[in-house]
C-alpha atoms as a PDB file:
ATOM      1  CA  UNK A   1      42.518  25.171  23.057  1.00  0.00           C
ATOM      2  CA  UNK A   2      39.241  23.268  21.314  1.00  0.00           C
ATOM      3  CA  UNK A   3      40.393  23.752  18.001  1.00  0.00           C
ATOM      4  CA  UNK A   4      43.591  22.236  18.216  1.00  0.00           C
ATOM      5  CA  UNK A   5      41.921  19.371  19.695  1.00  0.00           C
ATOM      6  CA  UNK A   6      39.308  19.659  16.500  1.00  0.00           C
ATOM      7  CA  UNK A   7      41.748  20.007  14.088  1.00  0.00           C
ATOM      8  CA  UNK A   8      42.996  17.390  10.855  1.00  0.00           C
ATOM      9  CA  UNK A   9      46.575  17.391  10.303  1.00  0.00           C
ATOM     10  CA  UNK A  10      47.739  19.202   7.236  1.00  0.00           C
ATOM     11  CA  UNK A  11      47.272  17.071   4.548  1.00  0.00           C
ATOM     12  CA  UNK A  12      44.726  14.950   6.140  1.00  0.00           C
ATOM     13  CA  UNK A  13      42.197  13.194   3.962  1.00  0.00           C
ATOM     14  CA  UNK A  14      38.487  14.238   5.136  1.00  0.00           C
ATOM     15  CA  UNK A  15      36.293  11.714   6.666  1.00  0.00           C
ATOM     16  CA  UNK A  16      33.319  10.341   5.470  1.00  0.00           C
ATOM     17  CA  UNK A  17      30.054  11.253   6.539  1.00  0.00           C
ATOM     18  CA  UNK A  18      29.118   8.284   8.925  1.00  0.00           C
ATOM     19  CA  UNK A  19      25.870   6.054   8.626  1.00  0.00           C
ATOM     20  CA  UNK A  20      24.675   8.761  11.879  1.00  0.00           C
ATOM     21  CA  UNK A  21      24.932  11.761   9.162  1.00  0.00           C
ATOM     22  CA  UNK A  22      23.351   9.223   5.969  1.00  0.00           C
ATOM     23  CA  UNK A  23      20.618   7.632   8.102  1.00  0.00           C
ATOM     24  CA  UNK A  24      18.334  10.444   8.957  1.00  0.00           C
ATOM     25  CA  UNK A  25      18.224  11.253   5.143  1.00  0.00           C
ATOM     26  CA  UNK A  26      17.121   7.697   4.403  1.00  0.00           C
ATOM     27  CA  UNK A  27      13.902   7.940   6.482  1.00  0.00           C
ATOM     28  CA  UNK A  28      13.059  11.341   5.255  1.00  0.00           C
ATOM     29  CA  UNK A  29      13.286  10.212   1.612  1.00  0.00           C
ATOM     30  CA  UNK A  30      11.316   7.078   2.988  1.00  0.00           C
ATOM     31  CA  UNK A  31       9.210   9.164   4.259  1.00  0.00           C
ATOM     32  CA  UNK A  32       8.150  10.891   1.576  1.00  0.00           C
ATOM     33  CA  UNK A  33       8.035   8.072  -0.815  1.00  0.00           C
ATOM     34  CA  UNK A  34       5.852   6.550   1.111  1.00  0.00           C
ATOM     35  CA  UNK A  35       3.103   9.131   1.292  1.00  0.00           C
ATOM     36  CA  UNK A  36       3.503  10.174  -2.321  1.00  0.00           C
ATOM     37  CA  UNK A  37       4.127   7.186  -3.261  1.00  0.00           C
ATOM     38  CA  UNK A  38       3.402   3.681  -2.098  1.00  0.00           C
ATOM     39  CA  UNK A  39       0.068   5.039   0.203  1.00  0.00           C
ATOM     40  CA  UNK A  40      -1.631   6.848  -2.733  1.00  0.00           C
ATOM     41  CA  UNK A  41      -1.099   3.614  -4.411  1.00  0.00           C
ATOM     42  CA  UNK A  42      -2.669   1.209  -2.121  1.00  0.00           C
ATOM     43  CA  UNK A  43      -5.266   3.329  -1.454  1.00  0.00           C
ATOM     44  CA  UNK A  44      -6.414   3.708  -5.335  1.00  0.00           C
ATOM     45  CA  UNK A  45      -5.561  -0.489  -5.027  1.00  0.00           C
ATOM     46  CA  UNK A  46      -8.282  -0.725  -2.529  1.00  0.00           C
ATOM     47  CA  UNK A  47     -10.671   1.285  -4.125  1.00  0.00           C
ATOM     48  CA  UNK A  48     -10.548  -0.602  -7.568  1.00  0.00           C
ATOM     49  CA  UNK A  49     -11.525  -3.495  -5.855  1.00  0.00           C
ATOM     50  CA  UNK A  50     -13.994  -2.590  -4.021  1.00  0.00           C
ATOM     51  CA  UNK A  51     -15.555  -1.331  -6.886  1.00  0.00           C
ATOM     52  CA  UNK A  52     -15.251  -4.508  -8.888  1.00  0.00           C
ATOM     53  CA  UNK A  53     -16.578  -6.529  -6.118  1.00  0.00           C
ATOM     54  CA  UNK A  54     -20.111  -4.355  -6.614  1.00  0.00           C
ATOM     55  CA  UNK A  55     -20.417  -5.041  -9.803  1.00  0.00           C
ATOM     56  CA  UNK A  56     -23.777  -6.088 -10.052  1.00  0.00           C
ATOM     57  CA  UNK A  57     -26.223  -7.417 -13.009  1.00  0.00           C
ATOM     58  CA  UNK A  58     -28.285  -4.219 -13.731  1.00  0.00           C
ATOM     59  CA  UNK A  59     -24.931  -1.502 -13.338  1.00  0.00           C
ATOM     60  CA  UNK A  60     -24.804   0.476 -16.156  1.00  0.00           C
ATOM     61  CA  UNK A  61     -20.844   0.382 -16.425  1.00  0.00           C
ATOM     62  CA  UNK A  62     -17.840   1.819 -18.598  1.00  0.00           C
ATOM     63  CA  UNK A  63     -15.181  -0.692 -19.417  1.00  0.00           C
ATOM     64  CA  UNK A  64     -11.340   0.733 -19.492  1.00  0.00           C
ATOM     65  CA  UNK A  65     -11.326   0.850 -23.755  1.00  0.00           C
ATOM     66  CA  UNK A  66     -14.141   3.030 -23.403  1.00  0.00           C
ATOM     67  CA  UNK A  67     -17.638   0.297 -23.845  1.00  0.00           C
ATOM     68  CA  UNK A  68     -20.873   0.982 -22.884  1.00  0.00           C
ATOM     69  CA  UNK A  69     -23.225  -1.110 -21.590  1.00  0.00           C
ATOM     70  CA  UNK A  70     -25.587  -3.028 -19.381  1.00  0.00           C
ATOM     71  CA  UNK A  71     -24.472  -6.175 -16.924  1.00  0.00           C
ATOM     72  CA  UNK A  72     -26.297  -8.611 -18.154  1.00  0.00           C
ATOM     73  CA  UNK A  73     -25.045 -11.532 -15.707  1.00  0.00           C
ATOM     74  CA  UNK A  74     -21.756 -11.899 -13.214  1.00  0.00           C
ATOM     75  CA  UNK A  75     -20.471 -15.079 -13.476  1.00  0.00           C
ATOM     76  CA  UNK A  76     -17.256 -15.094 -11.127  1.00  0.00           C
ATOM     77  CA  UNK A  77     -14.308 -13.535 -13.162  1.00  0.00           C
ATOM     78  CA  UNK A  78     -16.140 -12.610 -16.073  1.00  0.00           C
ATOM     79  CA  UNK A  79     -19.573 -10.399 -16.640  1.00  0.00           C
ATOM     80  CA  UNK A  80     -21.449 -10.131 -19.226  1.00  0.00           C
ATOM     81  CA  UNK A  81     -22.484  -6.465 -21.038  1.00  0.00           C
ATOM     82  CA  UNK A  82     -25.538  -5.936 -23.018  1.00  0.00           C
ATOM     83  CA  UNK A  83     -23.696  -2.882 -25.237  1.00  0.00           C
ATOM     84  CA  UNK A  84     -26.765  -2.955 -28.114  1.00  0.00           C
ATOM     85  CA  UNK A  85     -29.866  -5.009 -29.030  1.00  0.00           C
ATOM     86  CA  UNK A  86     -29.324  -8.812 -29.340  1.00  0.00           C
ATOM     87  CA  UNK A  87     -25.479  -8.168 -28.519  1.00  0.00           C
ATOM     88  CA  UNK A  88     -23.404  -9.171 -25.559  1.00  0.00           C
ATOM     89  CA  UNK A  89     -20.008  -9.235 -25.250  1.00  0.00           C
ATOM     90  CA  UNK A  90     -18.072 -11.023 -22.379  1.00  0.00           C
ATOM     91  CA  UNK A  91     -15.911  -9.101 -20.373  1.00  0.00           C
ATOM     92  CA  UNK A  92     -12.959 -10.064 -17.407  1.00  0.00           C
ATOM     93  CA  UNK A  93     -14.413  -7.868 -14.326  1.00  0.00           C
ATOM     94  CA  UNK A  94     -10.524  -6.200 -14.411  1.00  0.00           C
ATOM     95  CA  UNK A  95     -12.013  -4.652 -17.413  1.00  0.00           C
ATOM     96  CA  UNK A  96     -14.024  -2.589 -15.751  1.00  0.00           C
ATOM     97  CA  UNK A  97     -13.359   1.089 -15.495  1.00  0.00           C
ATOM     98  CA  UNK A  98     -16.560   2.904 -13.631  1.00  0.00           C
ATOM     99  CA  UNK A  99     -19.713   2.087 -13.134  1.00  0.00           C
ATOM    100  CA  UNK A 100     -21.859   4.874 -14.525  1.00  0.00           C
ATOM    101  CA  UNK A 101     -23.665   7.144 -12.245  1.00  0.00           C
ATOM    102  CA  UNK A 102     -27.153   9.201 -12.590  1.00  0.00           C
ATOM    103  CA  UNK A 103     -23.964  12.349 -13.001  1.00  0.00           C
ATOM    104  CA  UNK A 104     -21.683  10.206 -15.558  1.00  0.00           C
ATOM    105  CA  UNK A 105     -24.836   9.103 -17.677  1.00  0.00           C
ATOM    106  CA  UNK A 106     -26.034  13.090 -17.836  1.00  0.00           C
ATOM    107  CA  UNK A 107     -22.222  14.344 -19.521  1.00  0.00           C
ATOM    108  CA  UNK A 108     -22.735  11.250 -21.380  1.00  0.00           C
ATOM    109  CA  UNK A 109     -25.666  11.786 -22.911  1.00  0.00           C
ATOM    110  CA  UNK A 110     -24.521  16.013 -23.366  1.00  0.00           C
ATOM    111  CA  UNK A 111     -27.021  16.893 -20.916  1.00  0.00           C
ATOM    112  CA  UNK A 112     -26.545  19.770 -18.369  1.00  0.00           C
END
């Protein structure tokens, strides 16, 4: 008897799924996007901001163009790098890729 209640009339068009069945799937997709795209991207942006704020005179850095240099001055959003004897170049802080650590320095020199 129950099967008669839920049976569709012959020739009737099937009903489209309601919002109740689509909403959980949309929530799952948003959660996946958050954990795989949004969260890592905001974490990386926070780390980059901290790196740029920590650049100071005397640091050895690598620019996004691959130029190695010694920071000789930091003035607001501009840093001055000494890249060779008697050669200093100004860069925006946003051009800093990384600060050279002792481990990186060994790699750059080819030491093990």
